[in-house]
Structures are given as C-alpha cells and as structure tokens.
Protein backbone atom coordinates (compact mmCIF):
# COMPACT_ATOMS: atom_id res chain seq x y z
CA MET A 1 -0.52 -4.02 17.29
CA PRO A 2 0.01 -6.03 14.12
CA ARG A 3 -0.40 -4.26 10.84
CA ILE A 4 -2.39 -5.32 7.85
CA LEU A 5 -2.40 -3.62 4.37
CA LEU A 6 -5.99 -3.92 3.07
CA THR A 7 -6.19 -3.06 -0.60
CA GLY A 8 -9.49 -2.06 -2.09
CA ALA A 9 -10.68 -0.66 1.06
CA THR A 10 -13.39 1.51 -0.42
CA GLY A 11 -14.53 -1.28 -2.80
CA PHE A 12 -17.58 -3.51 -2.40
CA ILE A 13 -16.02 -6.11 -0.32
CA GLY A 14 -13.07 -4.20 1.31
CA ARG A 15 -15.34 -1.48 3.10
CA HIS A 16 -16.80 -4.33 4.99
CA CYS A 17 -13.53 -5.86 5.97
CA ILE A 18 -12.44 -2.83 7.91
CA GLU A 19 -14.36 -3.23 11.12
CA PRO A 20 -14.10 -6.95 11.59
CA LEU A 21 -10.19 -6.43 11.00
CA ARG A 22 -10.18 -3.81 13.61
CA SER A 23 -12.15 -5.91 16.00
CA SER A 24 -9.71 -8.87 15.43
CA GLY A 25 -6.90 -6.59 16.63
CA TRP A 26 -5.33 -5.48 13.41
CA GLN A 27 -4.06 -2.03 12.85
CA VAL A 28 -5.71 -1.56 9.35
CA LEU A 29 -3.70 0.30 6.51
CA ALA A 30 -6.60 1.02 4.29
CA VAL A 31 -5.53 1.63 0.67
CA THR A 32 -7.72 3.27 -1.93
CA SER A 33 -7.15 4.98 -5.29
CA ALA A 34 -9.54 7.70 -4.29
CA ALA A 35 -8.77 10.95 -2.30
CA VAL A 36 -8.40 10.23 1.39
CA ASP A 37 -9.01 13.53 3.02
CA GLU A 38 -12.62 13.09 3.66
CA LEU A 39 -12.46 9.53 4.68
CA PRO A 40 -13.42 8.69 8.24
CA ALA A 41 -10.57 8.37 10.47
CA ALA A 42 -10.80 6.02 13.50
CA GLU A 43 -8.52 4.40 15.99
CA GLY A 44 -6.71 1.25 14.47
CA LEU A 45 -7.40 2.77 11.03
CA SER A 46 -5.25 4.82 8.62
CA TRP A 47 -5.83 5.70 5.08
CA HIS A 48 -3.33 5.54 2.12
CA ARG A 49 -3.82 6.63 -1.48
CA ALA A 50 -2.09 4.59 -4.18
CA ASP A 51 -2.60 3.84 -7.73
CA LEU A 52 -1.43 0.08 -7.68
CA LEU A 53 -1.41 0.08 -11.57
CA ASP A 54 1.53 2.54 -11.58
CA PRO A 55 4.46 0.07 -11.74
CA ARG A 56 6.30 1.78 -9.02
CA ALA A 57 3.31 1.90 -6.65
CA PRO A 58 3.35 -1.69 -5.11
CA ALA A 59 7.03 -1.59 -3.92
CA GLU A 60 6.60 2.03 -2.68
CA LEU A 61 3.42 1.23 -0.73
CA ILE A 62 4.96 -1.72 1.03
CA ALA A 63 8.07 0.25 1.79
CA GLN A 64 5.87 3.05 3.43
CA THR A 65 3.65 0.94 5.29
CA ARG A 66 5.82 -2.34 6.33
CA PRO A 67 2.77 -4.31 6.95
CA ASP A 68 2.70 -7.66 8.64
CA ALA A 69 -0.06 -9.14 6.63
CA LEU A 70 -1.78 -8.28 3.41
CA LEU A 71 -5.47 -8.63 2.40
CA HIS A 72 -5.54 -7.83 -1.34
CA LEU A 73 -8.95 -7.03 -2.72
CA ALA A 74 -8.15 -4.30 -5.28
CA TRP A 75 -9.26 -4.92 -8.76
CA HIS A 76 -11.07 -3.39 -11.69
CA LEU A 77 -14.03 -5.84 -12.17
CA ALA A 78 -14.65 -6.09 -16.00
CA ALA A 79 -15.46 -9.32 -17.64
CA SER A 80 -13.64 -8.46 -20.71
CA SER A 81 -10.92 -5.75 -20.45
CA VAL A 82 -7.02 -5.70 -20.95
CA GLU A 83 -6.99 -3.93 -17.54
CA ASN A 84 -7.56 -7.45 -15.85
CA TYR A 85 -4.02 -8.37 -17.02
CA ARG A 86 -2.47 -5.15 -15.77
CA TRP A 87 -4.09 -5.86 -12.27
CA ALA A 88 -2.69 -9.45 -12.24
CA ARG A 89 0.69 -8.00 -12.77
CA ALA A 90 0.26 -5.26 -10.27
CA SER A 91 -0.97 -7.95 -7.76
CA LEU A 92 2.06 -10.10 -8.07
CA GLN A 93 4.23 -7.16 -7.82
CA LEU A 94 2.49 -6.15 -4.53
CA LEU A 95 2.97 -9.74 -3.12
CA MET A 96 6.52 -10.04 -4.19
CA ALA A 97 7.25 -6.54 -2.49
CA PHE A 98 5.37 -7.78 0.60
CA ALA A 99 7.32 -11.08 1.04
CA GLU A 100 10.67 -9.48 0.21
CA ALA A 101 9.99 -6.89 2.94
CA GLY A 102 9.30 -9.65 5.55
CA GLY A 103 5.63 -9.93 5.37
CA ARG A 104 4.14 -12.92 6.97
CA ARG A 105 0.58 -13.67 6.03
CA ALA A 106 -1.18 -12.74 2.73
CA VAL A 107 -4.70 -13.43 1.55
CA LEU A 108 -5.64 -12.56 -2.07
CA ALA A 109 -9.01 -12.68 -3.74
CA GLY A 110 -9.73 -15.06 -6.36
CA SER A 111 -12.95 -15.79 -8.05
CA CYS A 112 -15.47 -18.42 -9.21
CA ALA A 113 -14.94 -17.16 -12.72
CA GLU A 114 -11.74 -19.27 -12.72
CA TYR A 115 -13.55 -22.47 -12.95
CA ASP A 116 -15.20 -24.31 -15.92
CA TRP A 117 -18.81 -23.56 -15.05
CA LEU A 118 -20.03 -26.27 -17.39
CA GLN A 119 -18.64 -29.07 -15.32
CA GLU A 120 -20.14 -31.40 -12.58
CA GLN A 121 -21.30 -29.28 -9.67
CA PRO A 122 -20.70 -28.24 -7.05
CA LEU A 123 -17.20 -27.04 -7.69
CA ASP A 124 -14.42 -27.79 -5.05
CA GLU A 125 -11.02 -26.25 -5.12
CA GLN A 126 -9.55 -29.06 -7.22
CA SER A 127 -12.39 -28.75 -9.90
CA ARG A 128 -11.24 -28.06 -13.60
CA ARG A 129 -10.57 -24.50 -14.27
CA ARG A 130 -11.34 -23.08 -17.70
CA PRO A 131 -12.07 -19.46 -17.33
CA ALA A 132 -14.31 -17.94 -20.08
CA THR A 133 -13.45 -14.22 -19.61
CA ASP A 134 -10.42 -11.89 -19.36
CA TYR A 135 -11.31 -11.39 -15.72
CA GLY A 136 -11.27 -15.32 -15.05
CA ILE A 137 -8.19 -15.89 -17.08
CA SER A 138 -6.25 -13.11 -15.13
CA LYS A 139 -7.31 -14.27 -11.76
CA ASN A 140 -6.60 -17.92 -12.46
CA ALA A 141 -3.16 -17.00 -13.80
CA LEU A 142 -2.57 -14.93 -10.88
CA GLY A 143 -3.66 -17.75 -8.46
CA GLU A 144 -1.18 -20.08 -10.13
CA LEU A 145 1.44 -17.64 -9.71
CA VAL A 146 0.73 -17.11 -6.03
CA GLU A 147 0.59 -20.84 -5.28
CA GLY A 148 4.24 -21.29 -7.00
CA TYR A 149 5.60 -18.09 -5.12
CA ARG A 150 4.36 -19.12 -1.72
CA THR A 151 5.64 -22.73 -2.21
CA ILE A 152 9.20 -21.60 -3.27
CA LEU A 153 9.45 -19.01 -0.38
CA GLY A 154 7.60 -20.59 2.29
CA LEU A 155 5.28 -17.72 2.58
CA SER A 156 1.92 -18.31 4.34
CA ALA A 157 -0.48 -17.23 1.74
CA ALA A 158 -4.26 -18.36 0.90
CA TRP A 159 -6.15 -17.68 -2.41
CA ALA A 160 -9.95 -16.96 -1.76
CA ARG A 161 -12.08 -17.80 -4.55
CA VAL A 162 -15.12 -15.77 -4.07
CA PHE A 163 -18.38 -16.83 -5.60
CA PHE A 164 -21.55 -14.48 -6.10
CA LEU A 165 -22.37 -11.97 -3.64
CA TYR A 166 -24.72 -9.16 -2.85
CA GLY A 167 -25.23 -6.37 -0.43
CA PRO A 168 -24.51 -2.72 0.38
CA GLY A 169 -22.23 -1.10 -1.98
CA GLU A 170 -23.02 -3.54 -4.71
CA ALA A 171 -22.82 -2.04 -8.21
CA GLU A 172 -26.29 -0.89 -9.38
CA THR A 173 -26.37 -2.88 -12.41
CA ARG A 174 -25.78 -6.14 -10.66
CA LEU A 175 -28.74 -8.49 -10.13
CA VAL A 176 -29.82 -7.87 -6.59
CA ALA A 177 -29.07 -4.30 -6.48
CA SER A 178 -30.73 -3.51 -9.79
CA VAL A 179 -33.99 -5.47 -8.54
CA ILE A 180 -34.03 -3.52 -5.58
CA ARG A 181 -33.60 -0.26 -7.26
CA ALA A 182 -36.23 -0.72 -9.81
CA LEU A 183 -38.74 -1.97 -7.18
CA LEU A 184 -37.93 0.92 -4.89
CA ALA A 185 -38.54 3.35 -7.85
CA GLY A 186 -41.87 1.57 -8.71
CA GLU A 187 -40.38 0.39 -11.93
CA PRO A 188 -40.56 -3.04 -13.66
CA ALA A 189 -37.67 -5.47 -12.50
CA ARG A 190 -36.77 -7.28 -15.75
CA SER A 191 -34.68 -10.45 -15.65
CA THR A 192 -34.07 -13.78 -17.60
CA HIS A 193 -36.25 -16.81 -16.79
CA GLY A 194 -34.48 -17.00 -13.57
CA ASN A 195 -34.04 -20.79 -13.39
CA GLN A 196 -30.35 -20.62 -13.04
CA LEU A 197 -28.82 -21.87 -9.81
CA ARG A 198 -26.13 -19.72 -8.28
CA ASP A 199 -24.20 -19.69 -4.97
CA TYR A 200 -24.94 -16.34 -3.46
CA LEU A 201 -23.48 -14.98 -0.16
CA TYR A 202 -24.31 -11.76 1.58
CA VAL A 203 -21.18 -9.34 1.45
CA GLU A 204 -20.68 -8.91 5.28
CA ASP A 205 -20.45 -12.71 5.38
CA VAL A 206 -17.85 -12.69 2.55
CA ALA A 207 -15.93 -10.02 4.57
CA GLY A 208 -16.24 -12.09 7.73
CA ALA A 209 -14.85 -15.37 6.08
CA LEU A 210 -11.74 -13.34 4.56
CA VAL A 211 -10.94 -11.82 7.93
CA LYS A 212 -11.06 -15.35 9.48
CA LEU A 213 -8.79 -16.59 6.70
CA VAL A 214 -6.30 -14.03 7.37
CA ASP A 215 -6.27 -14.83 11.03
CA SER A 216 -5.69 -18.44 10.10
CA GLU A 217 -2.96 -20.56 8.96
CA LEU A 218 -4.77 -22.25 6.04
CA GLU A 219 -2.96 -21.85 2.64
CA GLY A 220 -3.68 -22.49 -1.01
CA ALA A 221 -7.13 -22.23 -2.74
CA ILE A 222 -10.36 -21.97 -0.71
CA ASN A 223 -13.86 -21.33 -1.88
CA ILE A 224 -15.84 -18.44 -0.18
CA ALA A 225 -19.43 -19.15 -0.59
CA SER A 226 -22.53 -20.32 1.13
CA GLY A 227 -22.60 -23.91 -0.10
CA ARG A 228 -26.27 -23.67 -0.86
CA SER A 229 -27.13 -22.61 -4.43
CA VAL A 230 -30.47 -20.70 -5.01
CA ARG A 231 -32.56 -20.16 -8.15
CA LEU A 232 -32.21 -16.52 -9.31
CA ARG A 233 -35.95 -16.34 -9.57
CA ASP A 234 -36.24 -17.05 -5.69
CA LEU A 235 -33.68 -14.45 -5.01
CA ILE A 236 -35.66 -11.85 -7.00
CA ALA A 237 -38.80 -12.96 -5.45
CA GLU A 238 -37.42 -12.36 -1.87
CA VAL A 239 -36.69 -8.92 -2.76
CA ALA A 240 -40.23 -8.37 -4.25
CA THR A 241 -41.93 -9.98 -1.11
CA GLN A 242 -40.04 -7.72 1.26
CA LEU A 243 -41.09 -4.56 -0.90
CA ASP A 244 -44.59 -5.93 -1.56
CA ARG A 245 -44.07 -5.43 -5.13
CA GLN A 246 -44.36 -8.85 -6.79
CA GLN A 247 -46.55 -7.41 -9.69
CA LEU A 248 -43.64 -5.49 -11.06
CA VAL A 249 -41.11 -8.55 -11.38
CA GLU A 250 -40.79 -9.59 -15.01
CA LEU A 251 -39.22 -12.91 -15.41
CA GLY A 252 -38.29 -13.92 -18.93
CA ALA A 253 -38.33 -10.28 -20.11
CA ILE A 254 -34.46 -10.47 -21.03
CA ALA A 255 -33.30 -13.54 -23.08
CA ALA A 256 -30.91 -15.79 -21.29
CA HIS A 257 -27.51 -16.60 -22.98
CA GLU A 258 -27.63 -19.61 -25.12
CA HIS A 259 -24.75 -21.35 -23.32
CA GLU A 260 -25.28 -20.12 -19.75
CA ALA A 261 -24.36 -22.59 -17.16
CA PRO A 262 -27.39 -23.76 -15.56
CA GLU A 263 -25.80 -23.96 -12.11
CA VAL A 264 -22.81 -22.81 -10.39
CA SER A 265 -22.34 -23.87 -6.72
CA ALA A 266 -19.40 -24.24 -4.43
CA ASP A 267 -18.33 -27.12 -2.33
CA VAL A 268 -17.36 -25.23 0.74
CA THR A 269 -15.92 -28.36 2.94
CA ARG A 270 -12.56 -26.51 3.48
CA LEU A 271 -14.39 -23.41 4.67
CA ARG A 272 -16.54 -25.27 6.97
CA ARG A 273 -14.26 -27.85 8.30
CA GLU A 274 -10.76 -26.38 8.03
CA LEU A 275 -11.73 -22.72 8.76
CA ASP A 276 -14.55 -23.55 11.09
CA TRP A 277 -16.61 -20.68 9.41
CA GLN A 278 -20.50 -20.50 9.01
CA PRO A 279 -22.55 -17.56 7.58
CA ALA A 280 -24.23 -15.14 9.98
CA PHE A 281 -26.87 -14.16 7.64
CA ASP A 282 -29.68 -15.92 5.46
CA HIS A 283 -30.88 -14.28 2.37
CA ARG A 284 -34.06 -12.98 3.99
CA GLN A 285 -31.79 -11.09 6.33
CA GLY A 286 -29.06 -10.04 3.69
CA ILE A 287 -31.84 -8.55 1.32
CA ALA A 288 -33.47 -6.94 4.03
CA ARG A 289 -30.07 -5.04 4.93
CA SER A 290 -29.59 -4.39 1.33
CA ILE A 291 -32.98 -2.67 0.86
CA ALA A 292 -32.51 -0.53 3.81
CA TRP A 293 -29.13 0.57 2.31
CA TRP A 294 -30.43 1.15 -1.17
CA ARG A 295 -33.53 3.08 0.37
CA ARG A 296 -31.12 5.51 2.11
CA GLN A 297 -28.93 5.93 -0.96
CA MET A 298 -31.74 6.62 -3.09
CA ALA A 299 -33.44 9.07 -0.74
CA GLU A 300 -30.13 10.85 -0.31
CA ALA A 301 -29.72 11.02 -4.21
CA ARG A 302 -33.12 12.86 -4.44
CA ARG A 303 -32.14 15.70 -1.92
C-alpha cells in the first residue's frame, strides 16, 4: 500500500482528508504537533508527532516515515506574523527532504491570499500576485520556490491555492462559525454590510479536491474553490434561515475596511477540466452540516 505523509492532520482541512485518502488506497501517516496518545487509531492510519518548526524535524520525519507522497497542509494561520516566514522555511525543508528521499508526488497548500485582490475577477492561476499580508507573502514565496524546485528535479508537485472555506473544525472567530455560534446562543450576529463577494467552499469539498489532486498527475498552481462567488450577507442569511433566527442578524454593525476588495472569486477551469472535479455540497448542505457540528460542540462544552 502506498504511503502518504499528511501534515496538519488535526487541522481544519487535514482532519477531513484522512478518510478520503484511506478510501483512495493510501496508508496515511498523519502528522500533528499535538500529543498522539489519544488520537483514534484505524487500519491504514498511523499518527506521528513532530514540531516542523524545529529545524531538524522535517528531515527526521521523512527519514522515519519514508513516504511515497506528501500532502502538506500544516501552517500557523495568522495574517501578520513572523511565524509565517518560519513556516515557509520549514515547508521548503520538508519538500527537499521528501524529494531527496525518493518521494514521487507532492501537493502543498497555497492560498488565494497570494493574489492581488483588487485586479479583475475571477482570478485564474496566472493572475497577478501581490499579497497584502505576511501570510500571503510567505505562501507566495514558498509557491515560487516549489515551482522552481520541482522543475529542476523533475518532481511531480502541485501548488493548491485554496480560497475561502467553512465547515466543521473552523476557527470560531471566522465568519460562518461566528454567525452559527452567536445564533445558536441566541445572541446577535454582527457583521459588516455583507455586500462583499467571496468564493466559499465547504471544507469536505476542499479535502476531496486535494485528495483527487494527490491522485492525479497535475503539476503547478491550481485554484481550489467553487467557481461561484456568494455575497457574505447571503451566506449569513442561509445560516439565520436554517436556525430561524433572522431577527438576530445585524448587518452593518461592524465597519467594513476602507480598502476591502469588493470581490474575490476564482476561475476554476483547471480544477474542472483538467482534474475533472465538482463539489459534492452546496451552501445549504454545507451550512446544515456545519450547524449540526457546532450544535454538538456547544452542547458538549456545557456539560
């Protein structure tokens, strides 16, 4: 059975990749910085603890696991933080160690934050990149290095630029999660005017696209998104309608950033035509599953 190293395996996207990878025939070597003693064991799944920011850890991890493929999702998500640059360095070290050990297929997670959001929409993989945050700068720099490195070595590698997402495991301060939590608690859900257009995709669909990308031979950058932007106010309204708490939504209660991009949307031609991938969930289904997950989480927290 081929072996795949999955970093960030307990993270927002990574946790949703485990079962699709196993179903696709991979032995999943799941990596986390947390303690692994209480994590669920299963056939085709083993857990490995590593702090990838330790300069020795990437090479040691590859030497210990000897994977055939790599799906690298681990990153500390902070828009402005020096830690982003440490993650870029660690990610390159991991990829180099993987290639030098004979690894044959790598997929690494990039971000729509690499693009200039104020240019013409939708954004395709060749659109101008001018990141506005440390996170975007670091991802963009790493993506350039990955492209150069794979070209020189002939390594099969893809750079997955993930756009906006939501679903079980999302940070509670992010848009969809914060609205769900507020409305479940019977509290006001405060937001900006909500007229911004953003390309959102349910997290299980993101994971499914990444796993299919691992199993493919596609190389270079590819957008991971729905290809259909939605107004934030409509996404919020879907949550409120499903919970029957429309009266608690307070649009315009928070000032929008003066220079905020009115639209950020993806051209998903490569994703659809070359990878032959389509999402399995629409927003109604994705939000329903997200509500159910948060309802369970909040109930358990009250016990």
